[in-house]
C-alpha atoms as a PDB file:
ATOM      1  CA  UNK A   1      16.591  23.841  -1.080  1.00  0.00           C
ATOM      2  CA  UNK A   2      19.721  25.686  -2.147  1.00  0.00           C
ATOM      3  CA  UNK A   3      21.055  26.086   1.379  1.00  0.00           C
ATOM      4  CA  UNK A   4      20.216  22.848   2.957  1.00  0.00           C
ATOM      5  CA  UNK A   5      19.584  20.429   0.063  1.00  0.00           C
ATOM      6  CA  UNK A   6      22.359  21.603  -1.985  1.00  0.00           C
ATOM      7  CA  UNK A   7      19.833  22.108  -4.923  1.00  0.00           C
ATOM      8  CA  UNK A   8      20.800  24.426  -7.802  1.00  0.00           C
ATOM      9  CA  UNK A   9      18.840  27.501  -8.757  1.00  0.00           C
ATOM     10  CA  UNK A  10      17.465  25.667 -11.809  1.00  0.00           C
ATOM     11  CA  UNK A  11      16.223  22.858  -9.413  1.00  0.00           C
ATOM     12  CA  UNK A  12      14.584  25.383  -7.079  1.00  0.00           C
ATOM     13  CA  UNK A  13      12.793  27.200  -9.894  1.00  0.00           C
ATOM     14  CA  UNK A  14      11.515  23.963 -11.326  1.00  0.00           C
ATOM     15  CA  UNK A  15      10.043  23.026  -8.054  1.00  0.00           C
ATOM     16  CA  UNK A  16       8.198  26.278  -8.083  1.00  0.00           C
ATOM     17  CA  UNK A  17       6.873  26.070 -11.376  1.00  0.00           C
ATOM     18  CA  UNK A  18       3.219  25.084 -10.269  1.00  0.00           C
ATOM     19  CA  UNK A  19       3.069  28.060  -8.202  1.00  0.00           C
ATOM     20  CA  UNK A  20       4.474  30.617 -11.033  1.00  0.00           C
ATOM     21  CA  UNK A  21       1.101  32.459 -11.216  1.00  0.00           C
ATOM     22  CA  UNK A  22       0.859  33.114  -7.808  1.00  0.00           C
ATOM     23  CA  UNK A  23       4.486  34.607  -7.330  1.00  0.00           C
ATOM     24  CA  UNK A  24       4.872  38.334  -7.867  1.00  0.00           C
ATOM     25  CA  UNK A  25       7.759  40.566  -8.270  1.00  0.00           C
ATOM     26  CA  UNK A  26       9.360  42.410  -5.320  1.00  0.00           C
ATOM     27  CA  UNK A  27       8.115  45.826  -5.095  1.00  0.00           C
ATOM     28  CA  UNK A  28      10.152  48.289  -2.871  1.00  0.00           C
ATOM     29  CA  UNK A  29       8.086  50.177  -0.258  1.00  0.00           C
ATOM     30  CA  UNK A  30       9.550  53.475  -0.825  1.00  0.00           C
ATOM     31  CA  UNK A  31       7.593  56.129  -2.448  1.00  0.00           C
ATOM     32  CA  UNK A  32       7.404  56.661  -6.212  1.00  0.00           C
ATOM     33  CA  UNK A  33       7.441  54.548  -9.290  1.00  0.00           C
ATOM     34  CA  UNK A  34       9.322  51.328  -9.298  1.00  0.00           C
ATOM     35  CA  UNK A  35      11.919  51.073 -12.357  1.00  0.00           C
ATOM     36  CA  UNK A  36      13.137  47.309 -11.875  1.00  0.00           C
ATOM     37  CA  UNK A  37      11.506  44.069 -11.354  1.00  0.00           C
ATOM     38  CA  UNK A  38      12.970  41.626  -8.910  1.00  0.00           C
ATOM     39  CA  UNK A  39      11.462  38.153  -9.239  1.00  0.00           C
ATOM     40  CA  UNK A  40      11.426  34.912  -7.132  1.00  0.00           C
ATOM     41  CA  UNK A  41      13.823  33.633  -9.975  1.00  0.00           C
ATOM     42  CA  UNK A  42      16.242  36.616  -9.569  1.00  0.00           C
ATOM     43  CA  UNK A  43      16.388  35.905  -5.732  1.00  0.00           C
ATOM     44  CA  UNK A  44      16.843  32.223  -6.078  1.00  0.00           C
ATOM     45  CA  UNK A  45      19.815  32.939  -8.612  1.00  0.00           C
ATOM     46  CA  UNK A  46      21.158  35.598  -6.256  1.00  0.00           C
ATOM     47  CA  UNK A  47      21.051  33.277  -3.544  1.00  0.00           C
ATOM     48  CA  UNK A  48      22.769  30.314  -5.334  1.00  0.00           C
ATOM     49  CA  UNK A  49      25.516  32.974  -6.421  1.00  0.00           C
ATOM     50  CA  UNK A  50      25.930  34.021  -2.824  1.00  0.00           C
ATOM     51  CA  UNK A  51      26.353  30.696  -1.323  1.00  0.00           C
ATOM     52  CA  UNK A  52      28.618  29.566  -4.144  1.00  0.00           C
ATOM     53  CA  UNK A  53      30.904  32.716  -3.533  1.00  0.00           C
ATOM     54  CA  UNK A  54      31.227  32.364   0.105  1.00  0.00           C
ATOM     55  CA  UNK A  55      29.048  35.518   0.618  1.00  0.00           C
ATOM     56  CA  UNK A  56      26.397  33.851   2.594  1.00  0.00           C
ATOM     57  CA  UNK A  57      26.970  30.791   5.129  1.00  0.00           C
ATOM     58  CA  UNK A  58      23.903  29.525   6.873  1.00  0.00           C
ATOM     59  CA  UNK A  59      26.092  28.188   9.866  1.00  0.00           C
ATOM     60  CA  UNK A  60      28.038  31.393  10.190  1.00  0.00           C
ATOM     61  CA  UNK A  61      25.020  33.862   9.618  1.00  0.00           C
ATOM     62  CA  UNK A  62      24.751  35.911  12.857  1.00  0.00           C
ATOM     63  CA  UNK A  63      20.917  36.616  13.388  1.00  0.00           C
ATOM     64  CA  UNK A  64      21.455  38.935  16.333  1.00  0.00           C
ATOM     65  CA  UNK A  65      23.742  41.450  14.312  1.00  0.00           C
ATOM     66  CA  UNK A  66      21.360  41.233  11.459  1.00  0.00           C
ATOM     67  CA  UNK A  67      18.415  42.206  13.454  1.00  0.00           C
ATOM     68  CA  UNK A  68      20.298  44.897  15.009  1.00  0.00           C
ATOM     69  CA  UNK A  69      21.233  46.698  11.818  1.00  0.00           C
ATOM     70  CA  UNK A  70      18.034  46.180   9.953  1.00  0.00           C
ATOM     71  CA  UNK A  71      16.331  48.575  12.464  1.00  0.00           C
ATOM     72  CA  UNK A  72      15.948  52.071  11.099  1.00  0.00           C
ATOM     73  CA  UNK A  73      17.749  53.392  14.297  1.00  0.00           C
ATOM     74  CA  UNK A  74      20.598  51.330  13.844  1.00  0.00           C
ATOM     75  CA  UNK A  75      21.098  52.144  10.028  1.00  0.00           C
ATOM     76  CA  UNK A  76      18.648  49.871   8.502  1.00  0.00           C
ATOM     77  CA  UNK A  77      21.583  48.551   6.513  1.00  0.00           C
ATOM     78  CA  UNK A  78      22.600  45.221   5.033  1.00  0.00           C
ATOM     79  CA  UNK A  79      25.657  43.710   3.782  1.00  0.00           C
ATOM     80  CA  UNK A  80      25.184  42.551   0.332  1.00  0.00           C
ATOM     81  CA  UNK A  81      28.742  41.425  -0.238  1.00  0.00           C
ATOM     82  CA  UNK A  82      30.407  41.030   3.325  1.00  0.00           C
ATOM     83  CA  UNK A  83      33.032  43.708   3.807  1.00  0.00           C
ATOM     84  CA  UNK A  84      32.713  45.168   0.141  1.00  0.00           C
ATOM     85  CA  UNK A  85      29.026  46.213  -0.830  1.00  0.00           C
ATOM     86  CA  UNK A  86      26.771  47.564   1.869  1.00  0.00           C
ATOM     87  CA  UNK A  87      22.940  48.680   1.205  1.00  0.00           C
ATOM     88  CA  UNK A  88      21.258  51.230   3.074  1.00  0.00           C
ATOM     89  CA  UNK A  89      17.309  51.772   3.201  1.00  0.00           C
ATOM     90  CA  UNK A  90      15.917  54.330   0.390  1.00  0.00           C
ATOM     91  CA  UNK A  91      16.254  57.942   0.950  1.00  0.00           C
ATOM     92  CA  UNK A  92      13.591  59.715   3.242  1.00  0.00           C
ATOM     93  CA  UNK A  93      12.391  63.118   3.740  1.00  0.00           C
ATOM     94  CA  UNK A  94      13.242  63.325   7.488  1.00  0.00           C
ATOM     95  CA  UNK A  95      15.894  61.523   9.598  1.00  0.00           C
ATOM     96  CA  UNK A  96      13.976  59.300  12.348  1.00  0.00           C
ATOM     97  CA  UNK A  97      13.652  60.919  15.925  1.00  0.00           C
ATOM     98  CA  UNK A  98      13.608  64.640  14.311  1.00  0.00           C
END
């Protein structure tokens, strides 16, 4: 709705209200206790912010590059803010392949 229909995050969240009880917060798959909540609302607001600031462009998104770098053997990394803030997977006890 935000990317294609150019709706605001408020409009998108409003459309999801009937399903609010079914939506759960994101939980990182890494070991240990989770110290944060990341709701669907947070994600929708973040997407709107990224589109507004030019950090995400649907037409310019390189799917092959994304799929390459999402693999553990290629770093399992994602650009959060293109060219400025890079996120890696959580810490692990052993490097893959060792």
